[in-house]
Structures are given as C-alpha cells and as structure tokens.
Amino acid sequence: MQIPANENQQNAENCISENLSDVLDKLTLDQIRFVIARQECSTDREAARKIGMSESTVYRWPDEVKRAVHLMAQDGIVTALKLRRKSLAKAMLIKIKGLDSRSEKTRQSVSTEIIEWELGKAAQSVNVGGNGQPIETIEYSAAEWREQREKRLKDAFGDS
C-alpha cells in the first residue's frame, strides 16, 4: 500500500514538531531566544550579539541548542508555542499587578479581563444576517480557495 505524498509530508512534519518540542523542553529561555534569533542570522556570532549574549557563552551550550536551531528551521510554530508557554506565568503576574494600579480605569479593565477568563463573557446578542435573510455560504476545496484568494489579491493590488 502506498501512502499519499501529502500524508508522508504530514507525518514528517509531525515527527519534526514532536522532536523540536522535546528538545525545546530542555532549553533555557535564553537558549530559546538564541534559537529564534539564529533563524534570522547567518552565524552563531551574529545571533548571540542580537540577543545580547557573548559568543563564548553560546559556543559552550549543549548540542541540543544546535539541534533545536536545525529543527526550528523546519518548524517555527512549535518554538513560538513553547516560548509563549514559558512566558505565561510572567505575563500573568504583570496582568495581576494591574489590579493594584492607581488608575481606576486600569483596575476595572484588568478585573473585567480576569473575570471573563474565568467565567466567560456575559451573553451578547449579535445580528449576523441582513434583513432577516439567510447568509449565503460557499464551500471551496483547498485548491479553489487558494485560487479565489489569489484572484482577490490581484483585484485588490494588481499583478505586481
């Protein structure tokens, strides 16, 4: 039985994502920052300078950092999610500090945001139809959708 090419590609991408996720779990925040910077720089030296680290520090890091650089070149989404997850606690502390702000407006805004995270937003009515008429929907295959998107972009921006 032959597996379709796009299924093979999806399996390879899943494998890369899982490997990258495992490697990133072992890295510090500075090492992850380097891995991200390295994607935009042609050398380790340039990436180290970009994040304010010394070259010697970067060169002493374990091989997992180099492996993460290689894997990230193949899947940047996993790195972004790991970075977001590692930053969540710090972001929450900053958000909660807003409860003690001198500004009533800030305290109200932060309070509302935290309440809505925990309890959900209050029910709101939304009118999505026009004049009581049903909304027309069109279903596209992926290829048809790309074709329509390209057409709309050309219409909006020309053929440049």
C-alpha atoms as a PDB file:
ATOM      1  CA  MET A   1       0.000   0.000   0.000  1.00  0.00           C
ATOM      2  CA  GLN A   2       1.410   3.377  -0.990  1.00  0.00           C
ATOM      3  CA  ILE A   3       0.897   6.354   1.334  1.00  0.00           C
ATOM      4  CA  PRO A   4      -0.006   9.589  -0.494  1.00  0.00           C
ATOM      5  CA  ALA A   5       2.819  12.153  -0.660  1.00  0.00           C
ATOM      6  CA  ASN A   6       0.943  14.766   1.376  1.00  0.00           C
ATOM      7  CA  GLU A   7       0.324  12.181   4.139  1.00  0.00           C
ATOM      8  CA  ASN A   8       4.054  11.353   4.197  1.00  0.00           C
ATOM      9  CA  GLN A   9       4.810  15.062   4.442  1.00  0.00           C
ATOM     10  CA  GLN A  10       2.305  15.475   7.296  1.00  0.00           C
ATOM     11  CA  ASN A  11       3.858  12.520   9.163  1.00  0.00           C
ATOM     12  CA  ALA A  12       7.343  14.021   8.695  1.00  0.00           C
ATOM     13  CA  GLU A  13       6.124  17.430   9.939  1.00  0.00           C
ATOM     14  CA  ASN A  14       4.515  15.812  13.000  1.00  0.00           C
ATOM     15  CA  CYS A  15       7.772  13.989  13.744  1.00  0.00           C
ATOM     16  CA  ILE A  16       9.789  17.227  13.414  1.00  0.00           C
ATOM     17  CA  SER A  17       7.316  19.048  15.687  1.00  0.00           C
ATOM     18  CA  GLU A  18       7.486  16.336  18.341  1.00  0.00           C
ATOM     19  CA  ASN A  19      11.297  16.230  18.228  1.00  0.00           C
ATOM     20  CA  LEU A  20      11.551  20.019  18.383  1.00  0.00           C
ATOM     21  CA  SER A  21       9.100  20.135  21.257  1.00  0.00           C
ATOM     22  CA  ASP A  22      11.171  17.588  23.198  1.00  0.00           C
ATOM     23  CA  VAL A  23      14.423  19.474  22.533  1.00  0.00           C
ATOM     24  CA  LEU A  24      12.932  22.871  23.453  1.00  0.00           C
ATOM     25  CA  ASP A  25      11.716  21.464  26.777  1.00  0.00           C
ATOM     26  CA  LYS A  26      15.386  21.045  27.744  1.00  0.00           C
ATOM     27  CA  LEU A  27      16.451  24.609  26.865  1.00  0.00           C
ATOM     28  CA  THR A  28      16.526  27.776  28.937  1.00  0.00           C
ATOM     29  CA  LEU A  29      14.682  30.917  27.890  1.00  0.00           C
ATOM     30  CA  ASP A  30      17.966  32.498  26.692  1.00  0.00           C
ATOM     31  CA  GLN A  31      18.741  29.417  24.629  1.00  0.00           C
ATOM     32  CA  ILE A  32      15.296  29.567  23.020  1.00  0.00           C
ATOM     33  CA  ARG A  33      15.817  33.276  22.298  1.00  0.00           C
ATOM     34  CA  PHE A  34      19.091  32.325  20.574  1.00  0.00           C
ATOM     35  CA  VAL A  35      17.380  29.589  18.541  1.00  0.00           C
ATOM     36  CA  ILE A  36      14.821  32.135  17.334  1.00  0.00           C
ATOM     37  CA  ALA A  37      17.461  34.777  16.559  1.00  0.00           C
ATOM     38  CA  ARG A  38      19.590  32.201  14.746  1.00  0.00           C
ATOM     39  CA  GLN A  39      16.804  31.745  12.194  1.00  0.00           C
ATOM     40  CA  GLU A  40      17.327  35.356  11.077  1.00  0.00           C
ATOM     41  CA  CYS A  41      21.122  35.434  11.291  1.00  0.00           C
ATOM     42  CA  SER A  42      23.752  33.761   9.150  1.00  0.00           C
ATOM     43  CA  THR A  43      26.152  32.959  12.019  1.00  0.00           C
ATOM     44  CA  ASP A  44      26.043  31.996  15.688  1.00  0.00           C
ATOM     45  CA  ARG A  45      28.133  35.099  16.455  1.00  0.00           C
ATOM     46  CA  GLU A  46      25.559  37.402  14.843  1.00  0.00           C
ATOM     47  CA  ALA A  47      22.652  35.704  16.646  1.00  0.00           C
ATOM     48  CA  ALA A  48      24.462  35.899  20.001  1.00  0.00           C
ATOM     49  CA  ARG A  49      25.052  39.634  19.553  1.00  0.00           C
ATOM     50  CA  LYS A  50      21.448  40.138  18.506  1.00  0.00           C
ATOM     51  CA  ILE A  51      20.164  38.809  21.847  1.00  0.00           C
ATOM     52  CA  GLY A  52      22.926  40.424  23.911  1.00  0.00           C
ATOM     53  CA  MET A  53      24.807  37.222  24.745  1.00  0.00           C
ATOM     54  CA  SER A  54      28.536  36.644  24.493  1.00  0.00           C
ATOM     55  CA  GLU A  55      29.763  34.346  21.756  1.00  0.00           C
ATOM     56  CA  SER A  56      31.698  32.243  24.229  1.00  0.00           C
ATOM     57  CA  THR A  57      28.523  31.513  26.194  1.00  0.00           C
ATOM     58  CA  VAL A  58      26.693  30.416  23.058  1.00  0.00           C
ATOM     59  CA  TYR A  59      29.586  28.205  21.925  1.00  0.00           C
ATOM     60  CA  ARG A  60      29.591  26.394  25.296  1.00  0.00           C
ATOM     61  CA  TRP A  61      25.914  25.477  25.124  1.00  0.00           C
ATOM     62  CA  PRO A  62      24.996  21.789  24.712  1.00  0.00           C
ATOM     63  CA  ASP A  63      24.387  20.149  21.344  1.00  0.00           C
ATOM     64  CA  GLU A  64      20.628  20.309  21.979  1.00  0.00           C
ATOM     65  CA  VAL A  65      20.756  24.025  21.138  1.00  0.00           C
ATOM     66  CA  LYS A  66      22.278  23.288  17.716  1.00  0.00           C
ATOM     67  CA  ARG A  67      19.696  20.548  17.197  1.00  0.00           C
ATOM     68  CA  ALA A  68      16.906  22.990  18.084  1.00  0.00           C
ATOM     69  CA  VAL A  69      18.290  25.504  15.551  1.00  0.00           C
ATOM     70  CA  HIS A  70      18.191  22.823  12.874  1.00  0.00           C
ATOM     71  CA  LEU A  71      14.702  21.593  13.792  1.00  0.00           C
ATOM     72  CA  MET A  72      13.310  25.109  14.130  1.00  0.00           C
ATOM     73  CA  ALA A  73      14.361  25.857  10.587  1.00  0.00           C
ATOM     74  CA  GLN A  74      11.884  23.133   9.730  1.00  0.00           C
ATOM     75  CA  ASP A  75       9.124  24.108  12.228  1.00  0.00           C
ATOM     76  CA  GLY A  76       8.998  27.579  13.835  1.00  0.00           C
ATOM     77  CA  ILE A  77       5.443  27.173  15.160  1.00  0.00           C
ATOM     78  CA  VAL A  78       6.471  24.713  17.875  1.00  0.00           C
ATOM     79  CA  THR A  79       9.118  27.145  19.136  1.00  0.00           C
ATOM     80  CA  ALA A  80       6.634  30.016  19.264  1.00  0.00           C
ATOM     81  CA  LEU A  81       4.222  27.911  21.328  1.00  0.00           C
ATOM     82  CA  LYS A  82       6.962  26.837  23.761  1.00  0.00           C
ATOM     83  CA  LEU A  83       8.110  30.437  24.193  1.00  0.00           C
ATOM     84  CA  ARG A  84       4.538  31.559  24.829  1.00  0.00           C
ATOM     85  CA  ARG A  85       4.054  28.814  27.409  1.00  0.00           C
ATOM     86  CA  LYS A  86       7.293  29.695  29.220  1.00  0.00           C
ATOM     87  CA  SER A  87       6.263  33.369  29.342  1.00  0.00           C
ATOM     88  CA  LEU A  88       2.720  32.780  30.583  1.00  0.00           C
ATOM     89  CA  ALA A  89       3.452  32.944  34.339  1.00  0.00           C
ATOM     90  CA  LYS A  90       5.393  36.201  33.973  1.00  0.00           C
ATOM     91  CA  ALA A  91       2.616  37.698  31.849  1.00  0.00           C
ATOM     92  CA  MET A  92       0.014  36.701  34.447  1.00  0.00           C
ATOM     93  CA  LEU A  93       2.000  38.352  37.244  1.00  0.00           C
ATOM     94  CA  ILE A  94       2.118  41.581  35.250  1.00  0.00           C
ATOM     95  CA  LYS A  95      -1.602  41.366  34.497  1.00  0.00           C
ATOM     96  CA  ILE A  96      -2.470  40.759  38.159  1.00  0.00           C
ATOM     97  CA  LYS A  97      -0.322  43.749  39.190  1.00  0.00           C
ATOM     98  CA  GLY A  98      -2.826  45.846  37.248  1.00  0.00           C
ATOM     99  CA  LEU A  99      -5.373  45.120  39.992  1.00  0.00           C
ATOM    100  CA  ASP A 100      -3.303  47.350  42.293  1.00  0.00           C
ATOM    101  CA  SER A 101      -2.897  50.183  39.801  1.00  0.00           C
ATOM    102  CA  ARG A 102      -3.592  53.739  40.918  1.00  0.00           C
ATOM    103  CA  SER A 103      -5.793  54.156  37.851  1.00  0.00           C
ATOM    104  CA  GLU A 104      -9.408  53.150  38.362  1.00  0.00           C
ATOM    105  CA  LYS A 105      -9.731  52.558  34.618  1.00  0.00           C
ATOM    106  CA  THR A 106      -6.792  50.122  34.638  1.00  0.00           C
ATOM    107  CA  ARG A 107      -8.130  48.264  37.712  1.00  0.00           C
ATOM    108  CA  GLN A 108     -11.567  47.955  36.082  1.00  0.00           C
ATOM    109  CA  SER A 109     -10.112  46.745  32.789  1.00  0.00           C
ATOM    110  CA  VAL A 110      -7.859  44.131  34.405  1.00  0.00           C
ATOM    111  CA  SER A 111     -10.678  42.961  36.689  1.00  0.00           C
ATOM    112  CA  THR A 112     -13.041  42.517  33.755  1.00  0.00           C
ATOM    113  CA  GLU A 113     -10.404  40.646  31.773  1.00  0.00           C
ATOM    114  CA  ILE A 114      -9.619  38.206  34.602  1.00  0.00           C
ATOM    115  CA  ILE A 115     -13.312  37.627  35.361  1.00  0.00           C
ATOM    116  CA  GLU A 116     -14.011  36.910  31.695  1.00  0.00           C
ATOM    117  CA  TRP A 117     -11.112  34.457  31.516  1.00  0.00           C
ATOM    118  CA  GLU A 118     -12.560  32.513  34.438  1.00  0.00           C
ATOM    119  CA  LEU A 119     -16.303  32.876  33.947  1.00  0.00           C
ATOM    120  CA  GLY A 120     -16.631  33.768  30.287  1.00  0.00           C
ATOM    121  CA  LYS A 121     -18.066  36.906  28.762  1.00  0.00           C
ATOM    122  CA  ALA A 122     -21.609  37.958  29.508  1.00  0.00           C
ATOM    123  CA  ALA A 123     -24.098  36.859  26.852  1.00  0.00           C
ATOM    124  CA  GLN A 124     -24.325  39.342  23.996  1.00  0.00           C
ATOM    125  CA  SER A 125     -26.727  39.371  21.105  1.00  0.00           C
ATOM    126  CA  VAL A 126     -25.250  39.557  17.637  1.00  0.00           C
ATOM    127  CA  ASN A 127     -27.137  40.136  14.408  1.00  0.00           C
ATOM    128  CA  VAL A 128     -25.258  38.268  11.693  1.00  0.00           C
ATOM    129  CA  GLY A 129     -27.931  38.222   8.999  1.00  0.00           C
ATOM    130  CA  GLY A 130     -29.113  41.030   6.831  1.00  0.00           C
ATOM    131  CA  ASN A 131     -32.819  41.967   6.842  1.00  0.00           C
ATOM    132  CA  GLY A 132     -33.776  38.555   8.164  1.00  0.00           C
ATOM    133  CA  GLN A 133     -32.333  36.832   5.100  1.00  0.00           C
ATOM    134  CA  PRO A 134     -30.092  33.752   5.396  1.00  0.00           C
ATOM    135  CA  ILE A 135     -26.380  34.257   4.924  1.00  0.00           C
ATOM    136  CA  GLU A 136     -25.053  32.808   1.689  1.00  0.00           C
ATOM    137  CA  THR A 137     -22.126  30.439   2.144  1.00  0.00           C
ATOM    138  CA  ILE A 138     -19.834  28.954  -0.463  1.00  0.00           C
ATOM    139  CA  GLU A 139     -17.695  25.858   0.065  1.00  0.00           C
ATOM    140  CA  TYR A 140     -14.311  25.636  -1.645  1.00  0.00           C
ATOM    141  CA  SER A 141     -11.722  22.905  -1.901  1.00  0.00           C
ATOM    142  CA  ALA A 142      -8.249  23.973  -0.747  1.00  0.00           C
ATOM    143  CA  ALA A 143      -7.158  24.489  -4.355  1.00  0.00           C
ATOM    144  CA  GLU A 144     -10.278  26.521  -5.178  1.00  0.00           C
ATOM    145  CA  TRP A 145      -9.803  28.622  -2.038  1.00  0.00           C
ATOM    146  CA  ARG A 146      -6.177  29.422  -2.987  1.00  0.00           C
ATOM    147  CA  GLU A 147      -7.318  30.316  -6.498  1.00  0.00           C
ATOM    148  CA  GLN A 148     -10.033  32.643  -5.166  1.00  0.00           C
ATOM    149  CA  ARG A 149      -7.599  34.232  -2.694  1.00  0.00           C
ATOM    150  CA  GLU A 150      -5.085  34.892  -5.469  1.00  0.00           C
ATOM    151  CA  LYS A 151      -7.839  36.426  -7.615  1.00  0.00           C
ATOM    152  CA  ARG A 152      -8.956  38.735  -4.787  1.00  0.00           C
ATOM    153  CA  LEU A 153      -5.352  39.781  -4.109  1.00  0.00           C
ATOM    154  CA  LYS A 154      -4.794  40.560  -7.791  1.00  0.00           C
ATOM    155  CA  ASP A 155      -8.037  42.515  -7.893  1.00  0.00           C
ATOM    156  CA  ALA A 156      -7.037  44.478  -4.801  1.00  0.00           C
ATOM    157  CA  PHE A 157      -3.338  45.042  -5.526  1.00  0.00           C
ATOM    158  CA  GLY A 158      -2.856  44.423  -9.246  1.00  0.00           C
ATOM    159  CA  ASP A 159      -0.492  41.972 -10.894  1.00  0.00           C
ATOM    160  CA  SER A 160       2.744  43.229  -9.319  1.00  0.00           C
END
